[in-house]
Amino acid sequence: MGPKLTISPTTIHDAFIVEPKVFGDERGWFTESFNAKDFSEAIGLNVEFVQDNHSFSRQWTLRGLHYQMEHTQGKLVRVVAGSVFDVVVDIRTDSPTYGKWAGVELSAENHKQMWIPEKLAHGFLVLSENAEFLYKTTEYYHPQSEACFAWNDASIDIKWPLPVGIQPNMNAKDAAGLPWGVAPKF
């Protein structure tokens, strides 16, 4: 039967693209979107998820770049309707990929997921008309320790796939993200 998961590295240390095996025929398809044993074996970590989140967003909505300074969260993220450009930024000062970013399109069609270890900033841009985004976390949301750095900081230079003339739709918190130089790091 072969492996149930394909794990591909990103350009960020310890962040991976996870592709579950999809079984399809003329009726449709089936996939095991998460299996704790297979996931732990594939990434080499014993991970316990404590919270599942589900968000709905309209096209060109940008959420992020978020992280928590305390109660740090590992995340397994995926899209179940539509598509997004998912981004992680390494804010671990002792990491070989500190200050680097990685992005991948996650969609309902490609079934890709991203494993985001603790102490990385995370955000996404909705590419489709609407998108539903699911993520499992290893720690509970702790708003008192949440931080956000600027999505468009030139020193990180994320290549968001925004069409010319389109400004992302953001809430006030995300629009006021801190510059990279003053945002807290690990």
C-alpha atoms as a PDB file:
ATOM      1  CA  MET A   1       0.000   0.000   0.000  1.00  0.00           C
ATOM      2  CA  GLY A   2       2.971   2.363   0.468  1.00  0.00           C
ATOM      3  CA  PRO A   3       3.368   5.245   2.897  1.00  0.00           C
ATOM      4  CA  LYS A   4       0.249   6.977   4.134  1.00  0.00           C
ATOM      5  CA  LEU A   5       2.014  10.355   4.274  1.00  0.00           C
ATOM      6  CA  THR A   6       4.541  12.086   2.080  1.00  0.00           C
ATOM      7  CA  ILE A   7       6.703  14.542   4.011  1.00  0.00           C
ATOM      8  CA  SER A   8       8.614  17.223   2.100  1.00  0.00           C
ATOM      9  CA  PRO A   9      10.960  19.751   3.680  1.00  0.00           C
ATOM     10  CA  THR A  10      10.438  23.479   3.281  1.00  0.00           C
ATOM     11  CA  THR A  11      13.232  26.043   3.314  1.00  0.00           C
ATOM     12  CA  ILE A  12      12.541  26.514   7.052  1.00  0.00           C
ATOM     13  CA  HIS A  13      14.242  24.183   9.525  1.00  0.00           C
ATOM     14  CA  ASP A  14      11.717  21.680  11.000  1.00  0.00           C
ATOM     15  CA  ALA A  15       8.715  22.952   8.950  1.00  0.00           C
ATOM     16  CA  PHE A  16       7.284  20.376   6.533  1.00  0.00           C
ATOM     17  CA  ILE A  17       4.704  19.934   3.797  1.00  0.00           C
ATOM     18  CA  VAL A  18       2.518  16.937   4.680  1.00  0.00           C
ATOM     19  CA  GLU A  19       0.618  15.136   1.924  1.00  0.00           C
ATOM     20  CA  PRO A  20      -1.752  12.403   3.029  1.00  0.00           C
ATOM     21  CA  LYS A  21      -2.476   9.618   0.582  1.00  0.00           C
ATOM     22  CA  VAL A  22      -5.753  10.219  -1.280  1.00  0.00           C
ATOM     23  CA  PHE A  23      -7.765   7.262  -2.572  1.00  0.00           C
ATOM     24  CA  GLY A  24     -10.129   8.136  -5.393  1.00  0.00           C
ATOM     25  CA  ASP A  25     -12.394   6.562  -7.955  1.00  0.00           C
ATOM     26  CA  GLU A  26     -15.492   7.517  -9.977  1.00  0.00           C
ATOM     27  CA  ARG A  27     -17.450   8.047  -6.725  1.00  0.00           C
ATOM     28  CA  GLY A  28     -15.051  10.643  -5.298  1.00  0.00           C
ATOM     29  CA  TRP A  29     -12.143  10.333  -2.872  1.00  0.00           C
ATOM     30  CA  PHE A  30     -11.152   9.454   0.684  1.00  0.00           C
ATOM     31  CA  THR A  31      -8.173  10.524   2.765  1.00  0.00           C
ATOM     32  CA  GLU A  32      -7.159  10.050   6.358  1.00  0.00           C
ATOM     33  CA  SER A  33      -6.455  13.720   7.095  1.00  0.00           C
ATOM     34  CA  PHE A  34      -4.742  12.984  10.415  1.00  0.00           C
ATOM     35  CA  ASN A  35      -3.450   9.879  12.154  1.00  0.00           C
ATOM     36  CA  ALA A  36      -1.367  10.529  15.293  1.00  0.00           C
ATOM     37  CA  LYS A  37       0.809   7.428  14.915  1.00  0.00           C
ATOM     38  CA  ASP A  38       1.577   7.991  11.225  1.00  0.00           C
ATOM     39  CA  PHE A  39       2.183  11.715  11.728  1.00  0.00           C
ATOM     40  CA  SER A  40       4.556  11.202  14.672  1.00  0.00           C
ATOM     41  CA  GLU A  41       6.506   8.524  12.803  1.00  0.00           C
ATOM     42  CA  ALA A  42       6.733  10.649   9.647  1.00  0.00           C
ATOM     43  CA  ILE A  43       8.076  13.818  11.300  1.00  0.00           C
ATOM     44  CA  GLY A  44       9.980  12.097  14.092  1.00  0.00           C
ATOM     45  CA  LEU A  45       8.138  13.866  16.919  1.00  0.00           C
ATOM     46  CA  ASN A  46       5.480  12.804  19.373  1.00  0.00           C
ATOM     47  CA  VAL A  47       2.955  15.628  18.988  1.00  0.00           C
ATOM     48  CA  GLU A  48      -0.204  16.083  21.027  1.00  0.00           C
ATOM     49  CA  PHE A  49      -2.844  18.440  19.660  1.00  0.00           C
ATOM     50  CA  VAL A  50      -5.154  20.171  22.157  1.00  0.00           C
ATOM     51  CA  GLN A  51      -7.249  22.520  20.019  1.00  0.00           C
ATOM     52  CA  ASP A  52      -8.791  22.527  16.522  1.00  0.00           C
ATOM     53  CA  ASN A  53      -9.619  25.828  14.793  1.00  0.00           C
ATOM     54  CA  HIS A  54     -11.659  26.550  11.674  1.00  0.00           C
ATOM     55  CA  SER A  55     -11.721  29.909   9.896  1.00  0.00           C
ATOM     56  CA  PHE A  56     -13.594  31.233   6.876  1.00  0.00           C
ATOM     57  CA  SER A  57     -12.148  34.123   4.865  1.00  0.00           C
ATOM     58  CA  ARG A  58     -12.904  35.982   1.658  1.00  0.00           C
ATOM     59  CA  GLN A  59     -10.518  36.513  -1.264  1.00  0.00           C
ATOM     60  CA  TRP A  60      -7.412  38.646  -0.591  1.00  0.00           C
ATOM     61  CA  THR A  61      -7.861  38.412   3.177  1.00  0.00           C
ATOM     62  CA  LEU A  62      -4.455  38.265   4.837  1.00  0.00           C
ATOM     63  CA  ARG A  63      -4.203  36.840   8.341  1.00  0.00           C
ATOM     64  CA  GLY A  64      -0.894  37.098  10.192  1.00  0.00           C
ATOM     65  CA  LEU A  65       1.917  37.009  10.827  1.00  0.00           C
ATOM     66  CA  HIS A  66       1.030  35.632  14.265  1.00  0.00           C
ATOM     67  CA  TYR A  67       2.807  33.782  17.056  1.00  0.00           C
ATOM     68  CA  GLN A  68       2.665  33.447  20.845  1.00  0.00           C
ATOM     69  CA  MET A  69       5.667  34.324  23.040  1.00  0.00           C
ATOM     70  CA  GLU A  70       4.354  32.082  25.836  1.00  0.00           C
ATOM     71  CA  HIS A  71       2.304  28.921  25.372  1.00  0.00           C
ATOM     72  CA  THR A  72       3.946  28.520  21.944  1.00  0.00           C
ATOM     73  CA  GLN A  73       1.899  26.568  19.438  1.00  0.00           C
ATOM     74  CA  GLY A  74       2.907  23.957  16.917  1.00  0.00           C
ATOM     75  CA  LYS A  75       0.318  23.876  14.133  1.00  0.00           C
ATOM     76  CA  LEU A  76      -0.824  21.452  11.482  1.00  0.00           C
ATOM     77  CA  VAL A  77      -2.737  23.516   8.924  1.00  0.00           C
ATOM     78  CA  ARG A  78      -4.848  22.655   5.885  1.00  0.00           C
ATOM     79  CA  VAL A  79      -7.541  24.046   3.615  1.00  0.00           C
ATOM     80  CA  VAL A  80     -10.863  22.243   3.095  1.00  0.00           C
ATOM     81  CA  ALA A  81     -12.490  24.755   0.699  1.00  0.00           C
ATOM     82  CA  GLY A  82     -10.716  27.094  -1.696  1.00  0.00           C
ATOM     83  CA  SER A  83      -7.008  27.906  -1.635  1.00  0.00           C
ATOM     84  CA  VAL A  84      -4.527  30.013   0.321  1.00  0.00           C
ATOM     85  CA  PHE A  85      -0.871  30.991   0.139  1.00  0.00           C
ATOM     86  CA  ASP A  86       0.410  29.798   3.524  1.00  0.00           C
ATOM     87  CA  VAL A  87       3.554  31.402   4.989  1.00  0.00           C
ATOM     88  CA  VAL A  88       5.869  30.673   7.905  1.00  0.00           C
ATOM     89  CA  VAL A  89       8.729  32.859   9.113  1.00  0.00           C
ATOM     90  CA  ASP A  90      11.523  31.557  11.322  1.00  0.00           C
ATOM     91  CA  ILE A  91      11.851  33.801  14.396  1.00  0.00           C
ATOM     92  CA  ARG A  92      14.133  31.455  16.366  1.00  0.00           C
ATOM     93  CA  THR A  93      17.413  33.343  16.753  1.00  0.00           C
ATOM     94  CA  ASP A  94      19.399  30.100  17.174  1.00  0.00           C
ATOM     95  CA  SER A  95      17.937  28.477  14.032  1.00  0.00           C
ATOM     96  CA  PRO A  96      19.943  28.014  10.814  1.00  0.00           C
ATOM     97  CA  THR A  97      16.976  29.526   8.922  1.00  0.00           C
ATOM     98  CA  TYR A  98      16.382  32.513  11.252  1.00  0.00           C
ATOM     99  CA  GLY A  99      14.820  35.428   9.381  1.00  0.00           C
ATOM    100  CA  LYS A 100      13.823  33.300   6.376  1.00  0.00           C
ATOM    101  CA  TRP A 101      10.335  32.538   5.120  1.00  0.00           C
ATOM    102  CA  ALA A 102       8.651  29.713   3.222  1.00  0.00           C
ATOM    103  CA  GLY A 103       5.336  29.744   1.406  1.00  0.00           C
ATOM    104  CA  VAL A 104       3.173  27.095  -0.211  1.00  0.00           C
ATOM    105  CA  GLU A 105      -0.268  26.971  -1.760  1.00  0.00           C
ATOM    106  CA  LEU A 106      -2.638  24.865   0.307  1.00  0.00           C
ATOM    107  CA  SER A 107      -5.954  23.984  -1.279  1.00  0.00           C
ATOM    108  CA  ALA A 108      -8.922  21.693  -1.026  1.00  0.00           C
ATOM    109  CA  GLU A 109      -7.792  20.188  -4.341  1.00  0.00           C
ATOM    110  CA  ASN A 110      -4.134  19.457  -3.517  1.00  0.00           C
ATOM    111  CA  HIS A 111      -4.806  18.183   0.059  1.00  0.00           C
ATOM    112  CA  LYS A 112      -1.429  19.539   1.200  1.00  0.00           C
ATOM    113  CA  GLN A 113      -0.923  20.430   4.841  1.00  0.00           C
ATOM    114  CA  MET A 114       1.891  22.283   6.573  1.00  0.00           C
ATOM    115  CA  TRP A 115       3.487  21.343   9.875  1.00  0.00           C
ATOM    116  CA  ILE A 116       4.594  24.531  11.646  1.00  0.00           C
ATOM    117  CA  PRO A 117       6.719  23.894  14.732  1.00  0.00           C
ATOM    118  CA  GLU A 118       6.561  26.104  17.803  1.00  0.00           C
ATOM    119  CA  LYS A 119       8.229  29.525  17.664  1.00  0.00           C
ATOM    120  CA  LEU A 120       7.487  30.289  14.009  1.00  0.00           C
ATOM    121  CA  ALA A 121       5.329  33.167  12.823  1.00  0.00           C
ATOM    122  CA  HIS A 122       2.433  32.127  10.596  1.00  0.00           C
ATOM    123  CA  GLY A 123       0.046  33.790   8.182  1.00  0.00           C
ATOM    124  CA  PHE A 124      -1.916  33.186   5.013  1.00  0.00           C
ATOM    125  CA  LEU A 125      -3.442  35.014   2.053  1.00  0.00           C
ATOM    126  CA  VAL A 126      -6.728  33.767   0.571  1.00  0.00           C
ATOM    127  CA  LEU A 127      -6.369  33.192  -3.183  1.00  0.00           C
ATOM    128  CA  SER A 128      -9.822  31.821  -4.027  1.00  0.00           C
ATOM    129  CA  GLU A 129     -13.197  33.579  -3.756  1.00  0.00           C
ATOM    130  CA  ASN A 130     -13.526  32.092  -0.240  1.00  0.00           C
ATOM    131  CA  ALA A 131     -11.471  29.664   1.814  1.00  0.00           C
ATOM    132  CA  GLU A 132     -11.987  27.493   4.858  1.00  0.00           C
ATOM    133  CA  PHE A 133      -8.801  26.942   6.834  1.00  0.00           C
ATOM    134  CA  LEU A 134      -8.383  24.292   9.551  1.00  0.00           C
ATOM    135  CA  TYR A 135      -5.554  24.018  12.026  1.00  0.00           C
ATOM    136  CA  LYS A 136      -4.683  21.792  14.922  1.00  0.00           C
ATOM    137  CA  THR A 137      -2.559  23.322  17.702  1.00  0.00           C
ATOM    138  CA  THR A 138      -0.289  21.832  20.343  1.00  0.00           C
ATOM    139  CA  GLU A 139      -1.133  24.532  22.888  1.00  0.00           C
ATOM    140  CA  TYR A 140      -4.247  26.535  23.725  1.00  0.00           C
ATOM    141  CA  TYR A 141      -4.687  30.040  22.358  1.00  0.00           C
ATOM    142  CA  HIS A 142      -3.275  32.559  24.837  1.00  0.00           C
ATOM    143  CA  PRO A 143      -4.180  36.089  23.689  1.00  0.00           C
ATOM    144  CA  GLN A 144      -2.047  37.786  26.354  1.00  0.00           C
ATOM    145  CA  SER A 145       1.142  36.446  24.767  1.00  0.00           C
ATOM    146  CA  GLU A 146       0.192  36.877  21.110  1.00  0.00           C
ATOM    147  CA  ALA A 147       2.517  38.882  18.891  1.00  0.00           C
ATOM    148  CA  CYS A 148       2.252  39.934  15.266  1.00  0.00           C
ATOM    149  CA  PHE A 149       4.866  41.328  12.951  1.00  0.00           C
ATOM    150  CA  ALA A 150       4.283  43.274   9.766  1.00  0.00           C
ATOM    151  CA  TRP A 151       3.209  41.163   6.799  1.00  0.00           C
ATOM    152  CA  ASN A 152       5.059  43.454   4.368  1.00  0.00           C
ATOM    153  CA  ASP A 153       8.320  44.126   6.229  1.00  0.00           C
ATOM    154  CA  ALA A 154      11.000  44.737   3.583  1.00  0.00           C
ATOM    155  CA  SER A 155      13.743  42.999   5.567  1.00  0.00           C
ATOM    156  CA  ILE A 156      11.852  39.675   5.294  1.00  0.00           C
ATOM    157  CA  ASP A 157      10.454  40.441   1.800  1.00  0.00           C
ATOM    158  CA  ILE A 158       7.709  37.814   1.576  1.00  0.00           C
ATOM    159  CA  LYS A 159       6.559  37.420  -2.029  1.00  0.00           C
ATOM    160  CA  TRP A 160       2.797  37.446  -1.410  1.00  0.00           C
ATOM    161  CA  PRO A 161       0.949  36.606  -4.660  1.00  0.00           C
ATOM    162  CA  LEU A 162      -1.191  39.758  -4.637  1.00  0.00           C
ATOM    163  CA  PRO A 163      -2.266  41.100  -8.041  1.00  0.00           C
ATOM    164  CA  VAL A 164      -0.996  44.575  -8.898  1.00  0.00           C
ATOM    165  CA  GLY A 165      -3.259  47.214  -7.366  1.00  0.00           C
ATOM    166  CA  ILE A 166      -4.860  44.873  -4.814  1.00  0.00           C
ATOM    167  CA  GLN A 167      -4.395  45.627  -1.124  1.00  0.00           C
ATOM    168  CA  PRO A 168      -4.979  42.765   1.305  1.00  0.00           C
ATOM    169  CA  ASN A 169      -8.050  42.805   3.537  1.00  0.00           C
ATOM    170  CA  MET A 170      -6.799  42.767   7.166  1.00  0.00           C
ATOM    171  CA  ASN A 171      -8.095  43.483  10.617  1.00  0.00           C
ATOM    172  CA  ALA A 172      -6.602  46.320  12.681  1.00  0.00           C
ATOM    173  CA  LYS A 173      -4.321  43.990  14.670  1.00  0.00           C
ATOM    174  CA  ASP A 174      -2.695  42.533  11.566  1.00  0.00           C
ATOM    175  CA  ALA A 175      -2.418  45.922   9.851  1.00  0.00           C
ATOM    176  CA  ALA A 176      -0.537  47.228  12.924  1.00  0.00           C
ATOM    177  CA  GLY A 177       2.004  44.366  12.958  1.00  0.00           C
ATOM    178  CA  LEU A 178       5.387  45.305  14.388  1.00  0.00           C
ATOM    179  CA  PRO A 179       8.427  45.887  12.170  1.00  0.00           C
ATOM    180  CA  TRP A 180      10.815  42.912  12.072  1.00  0.00           C
ATOM    181  CA  GLY A 181      13.539  44.870  13.879  1.00  0.00           C
ATOM    182  CA  VAL A 182      11.427  45.450  17.009  1.00  0.00           C
ATOM    183  CA  ALA A 183       9.107  42.406  16.966  1.00  0.00           C
ATOM    184  CA  PRO A 184       9.935  40.000  19.821  1.00  0.00           C
ATOM    185  CA  LYS A 185      11.842  36.848  18.823  1.00  0.00           C
ATOM    186  CA  PHE A 186      12.854  33.627  20.526  1.00  0.00           C
END
